[in-house]
PDB file of N, CA and C in Angstrom:
ATOM      1  N   MET A   1      25.291  21.150 -70.571  1.00  0.00           N
ATOM      2  CA  MET A   1      25.731  21.392 -69.561  1.00  0.00           C
ATOM      3  C   MET A   1      26.542  23.157 -69.105  1.00  0.00           C
ATOM      4  N   HIS A   2      26.298  23.279 -68.474  1.00  0.00           N
ATOM      5  CA  HIS A   2      27.811  24.022 -68.185  1.00  0.00           C
ATOM      6  C   HIS A   2      29.550  23.819 -67.675  1.00  0.00           C
ATOM      7  N   LEU A   3      29.381  24.949 -67.413  1.00  0.00           N
ATOM      8  CA  LEU A   3      31.331  24.486 -67.419  1.00  0.00           C
ATOM      9  C   LEU A   3      31.222  23.975 -65.832  1.00  0.00           C
ATOM     10  N   SER A   4      30.311  25.148 -64.835  1.00  0.00           N
ATOM     11  CA  SER A   4      30.710  24.551 -63.869  1.00  0.00           C
ATOM     12  C   SER A   4      29.451  22.939 -63.872  1.00  0.00           C
ATOM     13  N   THR A   5      29.056  22.421 -64.661  1.00  0.00           N
ATOM     14  CA  THR A   5      29.126  21.236 -63.500  1.00  0.00           C
ATOM     15  C   THR A   5      30.192  20.234 -64.441  1.00  0.00           C
ATOM     16  N   TRP A   6      30.806  20.522 -65.227  1.00  0.00           N
ATOM     17  CA  TRP A   6      32.272  19.391 -65.723  1.00  0.00           C
ATOM     18  C   TRP A   6      32.998  19.443 -64.357  1.00  0.00           C
ATOM     19  N   ARG A   7      33.094  20.673 -64.255  1.00  0.00           N
ATOM     20  CA  ARG A   7      33.939  21.400 -63.734  1.00  0.00           C
ATOM     21  C   ARG A   7      33.900  20.217 -62.052  1.00  0.00           C
ATOM     22  N   ASP A   8      32.679  19.877 -61.571  1.00  0.00           N
ATOM     23  CA  ASP A   8      32.126  19.385 -60.591  1.00  0.00           C
ATOM     24  C   ASP A   8      32.592  17.440 -60.431  1.00  0.00           C
ATOM     25  N   ILE A   9      31.850  17.605 -61.987  1.00  0.00           N
ATOM     26  CA  ILE A   9      32.166  15.547 -62.148  1.00  0.00           C
ATOM     27  C   ILE A   9      33.722  14.917 -62.253  1.00  0.00           C
ATOM     28  N   ALA A  10      34.490  16.217 -63.185  1.00  0.00           N
ATOM     29  CA  ALA A  10      36.473  16.364 -63.278  1.00  0.00           C
ATOM     30  C   ALA A  10      36.443  16.255 -61.803  1.00  0.00           C
ATOM     31  N   ILE A  11      36.774  17.506 -60.429  1.00  0.00           N
ATOM     32  CA  ILE A  11      36.622  17.148 -59.302  1.00  0.00           C
ATOM     33  C   ILE A  11      36.041  15.762 -58.909  1.00  0.00           C
ATOM     34  N   VAL A  12      34.987  14.777 -58.842  1.00  0.00           N
ATOM     35  CA  VAL A  12      34.521  14.189 -58.170  1.00  0.00           C
ATOM     36  C   VAL A  12      34.987  12.913 -58.619  1.00  0.00           C
ATOM     37  N   ILE A  13      35.248  12.093 -60.488  1.00  0.00           N
ATOM     38  CA  ILE A  13      36.458  11.968 -60.706  1.00  0.00           C
ATOM     39  C   ILE A  13      37.235  11.760 -60.355  1.00  0.00           C
ATOM     40  N   LEU A  14      38.165  13.003 -59.997  1.00  0.00           N
ATOM     41  CA  LEU A  14      39.570  13.051 -59.689  1.00  0.00           C
ATOM     42  C   LEU A  14      39.604  12.415 -58.222  1.00  0.00           C
ATOM     43  N   SER A  15      38.763  12.277 -57.358  1.00  0.00           N
ATOM     44  CA  SER A  15      38.610  12.297 -55.859  1.00  0.00           C
ATOM     45  C   SER A  15      39.125  10.897 -55.565  1.00  0.00           C
ATOM     46  N   VAL A  16      37.790  10.147 -56.907  1.00  0.00           N
ATOM     47  CA  VAL A  16      37.990   8.869 -56.940  1.00  0.00           C
ATOM     48  C   VAL A  16      39.528   8.194 -56.495  1.00  0.00           C
ATOM     49  N   GLU A  17      39.638   8.676 -58.847  1.00  0.00           N
ATOM     50  CA  GLU A  17      40.970   7.769 -58.384  1.00  0.00           C
ATOM     51  C   GLU A  17      41.979   8.020 -57.220  1.00  0.00           C
ATOM     52  N   THR A  18      42.424   9.582 -56.822  1.00  0.00           N
ATOM     53  CA  THR A  18      42.809   9.939 -55.846  1.00  0.00           C
ATOM     54  C   THR A  18      42.270   9.222 -54.715  1.00  0.00           C
ATOM     55  N   PHE A  19      41.624   8.943 -54.390  1.00  0.00           N
ATOM     56  CA  PHE A  19      41.338   7.320 -53.487  1.00  0.00           C
ATOM     57  C   PHE A  19      41.507   6.487 -53.468  1.00  0.00           C
ATOM     58  N   ILE A  20      41.031   5.609 -55.113  1.00  0.00           N
ATOM     59  CA  ILE A  20      41.581   4.194 -54.889  1.00  0.00           C
ATOM     60  C   ILE A  20      43.087   4.168 -54.866  1.00  0.00           C
ATOM     61  N   ILE A  21      43.881   5.136 -55.424  1.00  0.00           N
ATOM     62  CA  ILE A  21      45.536   5.036 -55.702  1.00  0.00           C
ATOM     63  C   ILE A  21      45.560   5.791 -54.824  1.00  0.00           C
ATOM     64  N   SER A  22      45.400   5.844 -53.240  1.00  0.00           N
ATOM     65  CA  SER A  22      45.893   5.702 -52.315  1.00  0.00           C
ATOM     66  C   SER A  22      45.648   4.623 -51.119  1.00  0.00           C
ATOM     67  N   LEU A  23      44.672   3.962 -52.206  1.00  0.00           N
ATOM     68  CA  LEU A  23      44.322   1.981 -51.084  1.00  0.00           C
ATOM     69  C   LEU A  23      45.178   1.450 -51.732  1.00  0.00           C
ATOM     70  N   LEU A  24      45.691   1.778 -52.496  1.00  0.00           N
ATOM     71  CA  LEU A  24      45.766   0.444 -53.297  1.00  0.00           C
ATOM     72  C   LEU A  24      48.095   0.285 -52.601  1.00  0.00           C
ATOM     73  N   PRO A  25      48.839   1.269 -51.677  1.00  0.00           N
ATOM     74  CA  PRO A  25      49.483   0.568 -50.630  1.00  0.00           C
ATOM     75  C   PRO A  25      49.005   0.307 -49.369  1.00  0.00           C
ATOM     76  N   LEU A  26      47.498   0.315 -49.021  1.00  0.00           N
ATOM     77  CA  LEU A  26      47.295  -0.206 -47.925  1.00  0.00           C
ATOM     78  C   LEU A  26      47.382  -1.814 -48.176  1.00  0.00           C
ATOM     79  N   ILE A  27      46.306  -2.224 -49.773  1.00  0.00           N
ATOM     80  CA  ILE A  27      46.448  -3.169 -49.967  1.00  0.00           C
ATOM     81  C   ILE A  27      47.452  -4.263 -50.200  1.00  0.00           C
ATOM     82  N   ILE A  28      48.477  -3.463 -50.849  1.00  0.00           N
ATOM     83  CA  ILE A  28      49.549  -4.459 -50.686  1.00  0.00           C
ATOM     84  C   ILE A  28      50.413  -4.790 -49.456  1.00  0.00           C
ATOM     85  N   LEU A  29      49.929  -3.710 -48.012  1.00  0.00           N
ATOM     86  CA  LEU A  29      51.012  -4.028 -47.130  1.00  0.00           C
ATOM     87  C   LEU A  29      50.137  -4.713 -46.901  1.00  0.00           C
ATOM     88  N   PHE A  30      48.759  -5.169 -46.997  1.00  0.00           N
ATOM     89  CA  PHE A  30      47.283  -6.117 -46.417  1.00  0.00           C
ATOM     90  C   PHE A  30      48.219  -7.747 -46.959  1.00  0.00           C
ATOM     91  N   PHE A  31      48.538  -7.768 -48.265  1.00  0.00           N
ATOM     92  CA  PHE A  31      48.664  -8.742 -48.796  1.00  0.00           C
ATOM     93  C   PHE A  31      50.422  -9.686 -48.092  1.00  0.00           C
ATOM     94  N   LEU A  32      50.674  -8.766 -48.124  1.00  0.00           N
ATOM     95  CA  LEU A  32      52.389  -8.966 -47.701  1.00  0.00           C
ATOM     96  C   LEU A  32      52.131  -9.233 -45.791  1.00  0.00           C
ATOM     97  N   ASN A  33      51.539  -8.248 -45.333  1.00  0.00           N
ATOM     98  CA  ASN A  33      51.489  -9.159 -43.533  1.00  0.00           C
ATOM     99  C   ASN A  33      51.002 -10.309 -44.093  1.00  0.00           C
ATOM    100  N   LYS A  34      49.910 -10.776 -45.226  1.00  0.00           N
ATOM    101  CA  LYS A  34      49.490 -11.729 -44.747  1.00  0.00           C
ATOM    102  C   LYS A  34      50.709 -13.097 -45.338  1.00  0.00           C
ATOM    103  N   ALA A  35      51.421 -12.871 -46.332  1.00  0.00           N
ATOM    104  CA  ALA A  35      52.344 -13.752 -46.388  1.00  0.00           C
ATOM    105  C   ALA A  35      53.640 -14.152 -45.892  1.00  0.00           C
ATOM    106  N   LEU A  36      53.769 -12.606 -44.291  1.00  0.00           N
ATOM    107  CA  LEU A  36      54.695 -13.063 -43.969  1.00  0.00           C
ATOM    108  C   LEU A  36      54.277 -13.985 -42.589  1.00  0.00           C
ATOM    109  N   ARG A  37      53.452 -13.612 -42.463  1.00  0.00           N
ATOM    110  CA  ARG A  37      52.530 -14.651 -41.546  1.00  0.00           C
ATOM    111  C   ARG A  37      52.791 -16.555 -42.097  1.00  0.00           C
ATOM    112  N   SER A  38      52.483 -15.754 -42.863  1.00  0.00           N
ATOM    113  CA  SER A  38      52.339 -17.508 -43.354  1.00  0.00           C
ATOM    114  C   SER A  38      53.910 -18.083 -43.637  1.00  0.00           C
ATOM    115  N   LEU A  39      54.628 -17.433 -43.353  1.00  0.00           N
ATOM    116  CA  LEU A  39      56.479 -17.430 -43.784  1.00  0.00           C
ATOM    117  C   LEU A  39      56.763 -18.067 -41.924  1.00  0.00           C
ATOM    118  N   LEU A  40      56.386 -16.572 -41.543  1.00  0.00           N
ATOM    119  CA  LEU A  40      56.729 -17.430 -39.768  1.00  0.00           C
ATOM    120  C   LEU A  40      56.238 -19.121 -39.222  1.00  0.00           C
ATOM    121  N   HIS A  41      54.884 -19.298 -39.917  1.00  0.00           N
ATOM    122  CA  HIS A  41      54.613 -20.175 -39.477  1.00  0.00           C
ATOM    123  C   HIS A  41      55.462 -21.405 -40.653  1.00  0.00           C
ATOM    124  N   ALA A  42      56.132 -21.248 -41.716  1.00  0.00           N
ATOM    125  CA  ALA A  42      56.534 -22.403 -42.282  1.00  0.00           C
ATOM    126  C   ALA A  42      58.107 -22.609 -41.550  1.00  0.00           C
ATOM    127  N   LEU A  43      58.427 -21.436 -41.379  1.00  0.00           N
ATOM    128  CA  LEU A  43      60.076 -20.933 -41.397  1.00  0.00           C
ATOM    129  C   LEU A  43      60.751 -22.335 -39.959  1.00  0.00           C
ATOM    130  N   PRO A  44      60.259 -22.434 -38.920  1.00  0.00           N
ATOM    131  CA  PRO A  44      61.024 -23.020 -38.562  1.00  0.00           C
ATOM    132  C   PRO A  44      61.752 -24.168 -38.779  1.00  0.00           C
ATOM    133  N   THR A  45      60.336 -24.913 -39.575  1.00  0.00           N
ATOM    134  CA  THR A  45      61.408 -26.183 -40.054  1.00  0.00           C
ATOM    135  C   THR A  45      62.106 -25.824 -40.975  1.00  0.00           C
ATOM    136  N   TYR A  46      62.450 -24.765 -41.975  1.00  0.00           N
ATOM    137  CA  TYR A  46      63.399 -24.523 -43.152  1.00  0.00           C
ATOM    138  C   TYR A  46      64.627 -24.262 -41.906  1.00  0.00           C
ATOM    139  N   ALA A  47      64.240 -23.363 -40.509  1.00  0.00           N
ATOM    140  CA  ALA A  47      65.794 -22.838 -40.449  1.00  0.00           C
ATOM    141  C   ALA A  47      66.208 -23.485 -39.841  1.00  0.00           C
ATOM    142  N   LYS A  48      65.649 -25.593 -38.890  1.00  0.00           N
ATOM    143  CA  LYS A  48      66.702 -26.229 -38.228  1.00  0.00           C
ATOM    144  C   LYS A  48      67.185 -26.706 -39.166  1.00  0.00           C
ATOM    145  N   ARG A  49      66.420 -27.115 -40.607  1.00  0.00           N
ATOM    146  CA  ARG A  49      67.718 -27.439 -41.538  1.00  0.00           C
ATOM    147  C   ARG A  49      68.585 -27.064 -42.020  1.00  0.00           C
ATOM    148  N   GLY A  50      68.362 -25.707 -42.392  1.00  0.00           N
ATOM    149  CA  GLY A  50      69.836 -24.914 -42.067  1.00  0.00           C
ATOM    150  C   GLY A  50      70.820 -24.663 -41.467  1.00  0.00           C
ATOM    151  N   GLN A  51      70.295 -24.881 -40.030  1.00  0.00           N
ATOM    152  CA  GLN A  51      71.543 -24.600 -38.925  1.00  0.00           C
ATOM    153  C   GLN A  51      71.572 -26.038 -38.944  1.00  0.00           C
ATOM    154  N   GLN A  52      71.119 -27.422 -39.542  1.00  0.00           N
ATOM    155  CA  GLN A  52      72.067 -28.856 -39.922  1.00  0.00           C
ATOM    156  C   GLN A  52      73.274 -27.940 -40.663  1.00  0.00           C
ATOM    157  N   PHE A  53      72.719 -27.772 -42.603  1.00  0.00           N
ATOM    158  CA  PHE A  53      73.680 -27.467 -43.519  1.00  0.00           C
ATOM    159  C   PHE A  53      74.628 -26.541 -42.916  1.00  0.00           C
ATOM    160  N   ALA A  54      74.116 -25.649 -41.706  1.00  0.00           N
ATOM    161  CA  ALA A  54      75.797 -24.760 -41.886  1.00  0.00           C
ATOM    162  C   ALA A  54      77.060 -25.759 -40.412  1.00  0.00           C
ATOM    163  N   LYS A  55      76.141 -26.201 -39.956  1.00  0.00           N
ATOM    164  CA  LYS A  55      76.665 -27.481 -38.851  1.00  0.00           C
ATOM    165  C   LYS A  55      78.058 -27.568 -39.855  1.00  0.00           C
ATOM    166  N   GLN A  56      77.042 -28.974 -40.371  1.00  0.00           N
ATOM    167  CA  GLN A  56      77.874 -29.331 -41.298  1.00  0.00           C
ATOM    168  C   GLN A  56      79.127 -28.836 -42.110  1.00  0.00           C
ATOM    169  N   GLY A  57      78.825 -28.007 -42.605  1.00  0.00           N
ATOM    170  CA  GLY A  57      79.376 -27.053 -43.332  1.00  0.00           C
ATOM    171  C   GLY A  57      80.722 -26.447 -42.515  1.00  0.00           C
ATOM    172  N   GLU A  58      80.494 -25.868 -41.555  1.00  0.00           N
ATOM    173  CA  GLU A  58      81.273 -25.518 -40.903  1.00  0.00           C
ATOM    174  C   GLU A  58      82.718 -26.474 -39.814  1.00  0.00           C
ATOM    175  N   GLU A  59      81.667 -28.096 -39.908  1.00  0.00           N
ATOM    176  CA  GLU A  59      82.962 -29.385 -38.964  1.00  0.00           C
ATOM    177  C   GLU A  59      83.701 -29.691 -40.726  1.00  0.00           C
ATOM    178  N   LEU A  60      83.302 -29.415 -41.931  1.00  0.00           N
ATOM    179  CA  LEU A  60      83.763 -30.056 -43.139  1.00  0.00           C
ATOM    180  C   LEU A  60      84.485 -29.211 -43.030  1.00  0.00           C
ATOM    181  N   SER A  61      84.522 -27.726 -43.336  1.00  0.00           N
ATOM    182  CA  SER A  61      85.458 -26.338 -43.508  1.00  0.00           C
ATOM    183  C   SER A  61      86.381 -27.056 -42.054  1.00  0.00           C
ATOM    184  N   GLN A  62      86.592 -26.337 -41.223  1.00  0.00           N
ATOM    185  CA  GLN A  62      86.762 -27.368 -40.336  1.00  0.00           C
ATOM    186  C   GLN A  62      88.564 -28.719 -40.628  1.00  0.00           C
ATOM    187  N   LYS A  63      87.574 -29.458 -41.204  1.00  0.00           N
ATOM    188  CA  LYS A  63      88.509 -30.791 -40.897  1.00  0.00           C
ATOM    189  C   LYS A  63      89.617 -30.190 -42.499  1.00  0.00           C
ATOM    190  N   MET A  64      88.967 -29.581 -42.891  1.00  0.00           N
ATOM    191  CA  MET A  64      89.358 -29.328 -44.113  1.00  0.00           C
ATOM    192  C   MET A  64      90.507 -28.226 -44.476  1.00  0.00           C
ATOM    193  N   SER A  65      90.368 -27.721 -42.697  1.00  0.00           N
ATOM    194  CA  SER A  65      91.472 -26.263 -42.978  1.00  0.00           C
ATOM    195  C   SER A  65      92.303 -26.533 -41.693  1.00  0.00           C
ATOM    196  N   HIS A  66      92.284 -27.873 -40.700  1.00  0.00           N
ATOM    197  CA  HIS A  66      93.165 -28.247 -40.278  1.00  0.00           C
ATOM    198  C   HIS A  66      94.090 -29.343 -40.708  1.00  0.00           C
ATOM    199  N   LYS A  67      93.592 -29.873 -42.155  1.00  0.00           N
ATOM    200  CA  LYS A  67      94.705 -30.995 -42.841  1.00  0.00           C
ATOM    201  C   LYS A  67      94.910 -30.646 -43.822  1.00  0.00           C
ATOM    202  N   VAL A  68      95.016 -29.229 -44.382  1.00  0.00           N
ATOM    203  CA  VAL A  68      95.571 -27.930 -45.008  1.00  0.00           C
ATOM    204  C   VAL A  68      96.545 -27.677 -44.116  1.00  0.00           C
ATOM    205  N   ALA A  69      96.811 -27.052 -43.321  1.00  0.00           N
ATOM    206  CA  ALA A  69      97.067 -25.915 -42.502  1.00  0.00           C
ATOM    207  C   ALA A  69      98.606 -26.623 -41.316  1.00  0.00           C
ATOM    208  N   SER A  70      98.115 -28.137 -40.874  1.00  0.00           N
ATOM    209  CA  SER A  70      98.595 -29.378 -40.154  1.00  0.00           C
ATOM    210  C   SER A  70     100.104 -29.305 -41.002  1.00  0.00           C
ATOM    211  N   PRO A  71     100.318 -29.344 -41.825  1.00  0.00           N
ATOM    212  CA  PRO A  71     101.941 -29.410 -42.101  1.00  0.00           C
ATOM    213  C   PRO A  71     101.934 -27.991 -42.332  1.00  0.00           C
ATOM    214  N   PHE A  72     101.986 -27.074 -42.454  1.00  0.00           N
ATOM    215  CA  PHE A  72     102.786 -25.548 -42.472  1.00  0.00           C
ATOM    216  C   PHE A  72     103.135 -26.015 -41.379  1.00  0.00           C
ATOM    217  N   ILE A  73     101.974 -25.950 -40.129  1.00  0.00           N
ATOM    218  CA  ILE A  73     102.209 -26.019 -38.522  1.00  0.00           C
ATOM    219  C   ILE A  73     103.581 -26.498 -38.373  1.00  0.00           C
ATOM    220  N   TRP A  74     103.461 -27.611 -38.532  1.00  0.00           N
ATOM    221  CA  TRP A  74     104.290 -28.384 -38.080  1.00  0.00           C
ATOM    222  C   TRP A  74     106.054 -28.378 -38.835  1.00  0.00           C
ATOM    223  N   VAL A  75     106.092 -28.033 -40.175  1.00  0.00           N
ATOM    224  CA  VAL A  75     106.950 -27.490 -40.678  1.00  0.00           C
ATOM    225  C   VAL A  75     107.711 -26.253 -39.959  1.00  0.00           C
ATOM    226  N   SER A  76     107.011 -24.850 -39.094  1.00  0.00           N
ATOM    227  CA  SER A  76     107.245 -24.322 -38.539  1.00  0.00           C
ATOM    228  C   SER A  76     107.840 -24.764 -37.060  1.00  0.00           C
ATOM    229  N   SER A  77     107.003 -25.495 -36.780  1.00  0.00           N
ATOM    230  CA  SER A  77     107.493 -25.747 -35.115  1.00  0.00           C
ATOM    231  C   SER A  77     108.561 -26.749 -35.418  1.00  0.00           C
ATOM    232  N   ALA A  78     109.025 -27.104 -36.996  1.00  0.00           N
ATOM    233  CA  ALA A  78     110.083 -27.858 -36.580  1.00  0.00           C
ATOM    234  C   ALA A  78     111.236 -26.946 -36.796  1.00  0.00           C
ATOM    235  N   MET A  79     111.040 -26.108 -37.475  1.00  0.00           N
ATOM    236  CA  MET A  79     112.044 -25.317 -37.990  1.00  0.00           C
ATOM    237  C   MET A  79     112.454 -23.898 -36.403  1.00  0.00           C
ATOM    238  N   ALA A  80     111.157 -23.595 -35.155  1.00  0.00           N
ATOM    239  CA  ALA A  80     111.265 -23.007 -34.292  1.00  0.00           C
ATOM    240  C   ALA A  80     111.745 -23.934 -33.378  1.00  0.00           C
ATOM    241  N   ALA A  81     112.097 -26.030 -33.494  1.00  0.00           N
ATOM    242  CA  ALA A  81     112.732 -25.968 -32.761  1.00  0.00           C
ATOM    243  C   ALA A  81     114.370 -25.693 -32.879  1.00  0.00           C
ATOM    244  N   ALA A  82     114.821 -26.532 -34.447  1.00  0.00           N
ATOM    245  CA  ALA A  82     115.694 -26.352 -35.239  1.00  0.00           C
ATOM    246  C   ALA A  82     116.648 -25.268 -34.763  1.00  0.00           C
ATOM    247  N   GLU A  83     115.453 -23.789 -33.985  1.00  0.00           N
ATOM    248  CA  GLU A  83     115.860 -22.850 -34.068  1.00  0.00           C
ATOM    249  C   GLU A  83     116.661 -22.615 -32.497  1.00  0.00           C
ATOM    250  N   SER A  84     116.098 -23.115 -31.719  1.00  0.00           N
ATOM    251  CA  SER A  84     116.082 -23.552 -30.573  1.00  0.00           C
ATOM    252  C   SER A  84     117.305 -23.742 -29.836  1.00  0.00           C
ATOM    253  N   LEU A  85     117.458 -25.120 -30.989  1.00  0.00           N
ATOM    254  CA  LEU A  85     118.405 -25.908 -29.874  1.00  0.00           C
ATOM    255  C   LEU A  85     120.199 -25.797 -30.567  1.00  0.00           C
ATOM    256  N   PHE A  86     120.028 -24.680 -32.488  1.00  0.00           N
ATOM    257  CA  PHE A  86     121.201 -24.784 -32.648  1.00  0.00           C
ATOM    258  C   PHE A  86     121.272 -23.208 -33.117  1.00  0.00           C
ATOM    259  N   GLY A  87     121.268 -22.701 -32.522  1.00  0.00           N
ATOM    260  CA  GLY A  87     120.520 -20.756 -32.023  1.00  0.00           C
ATOM    261  C   GLY A  87     120.252 -20.304 -33.802  1.00  0.00           C
ATOM    262  N   ARG A  88     120.598 -18.879 -33.641  1.00  0.00           N
ATOM    263  CA  ARG A  88     120.045 -18.068 -35.064  1.00  0.00           C
ATOM    264  C   ARG A  88     121.911 -18.349 -36.579  1.00  0.00           C
ATOM    265  N   GLY A  89     122.511 -18.912 -35.519  1.00  0.00           N
ATOM    266  CA  GLY A  89     123.625 -18.042 -36.533  1.00  0.00           C
ATOM    267  C   GLY A  89     125.080 -16.816 -36.099  1.00  0.00           C
ATOM    268  N   LYS A  90     124.551 -16.879 -34.795  1.00  0.00           N
ATOM    269  CA  LYS A  90     125.084 -15.423 -34.564  1.00  0.00           C
ATOM    270  C   LYS A  90     126.626 -16.320 -33.549  1.00  0.00           C
TER     271      LYS A  90
END
């Protein structure tokens, strides 16, 4: 075989390799698209559960913050009432 024949074979092999490598992102995107579509069908049920858990967490954190902050608010209002009754010591 001549050198030109080997050159042509190498060019064909490189072309096939390039074509296969360029198809990989398309294949990955295809399966990613399929996975996202199936996720979109299953997502609403899990989103509703997550929303319920978030609401419960918000209610719990509000209750706890009111229990923690209410003594400080009471003391502050009592101090303000005492200052308004007795003045600031002027």
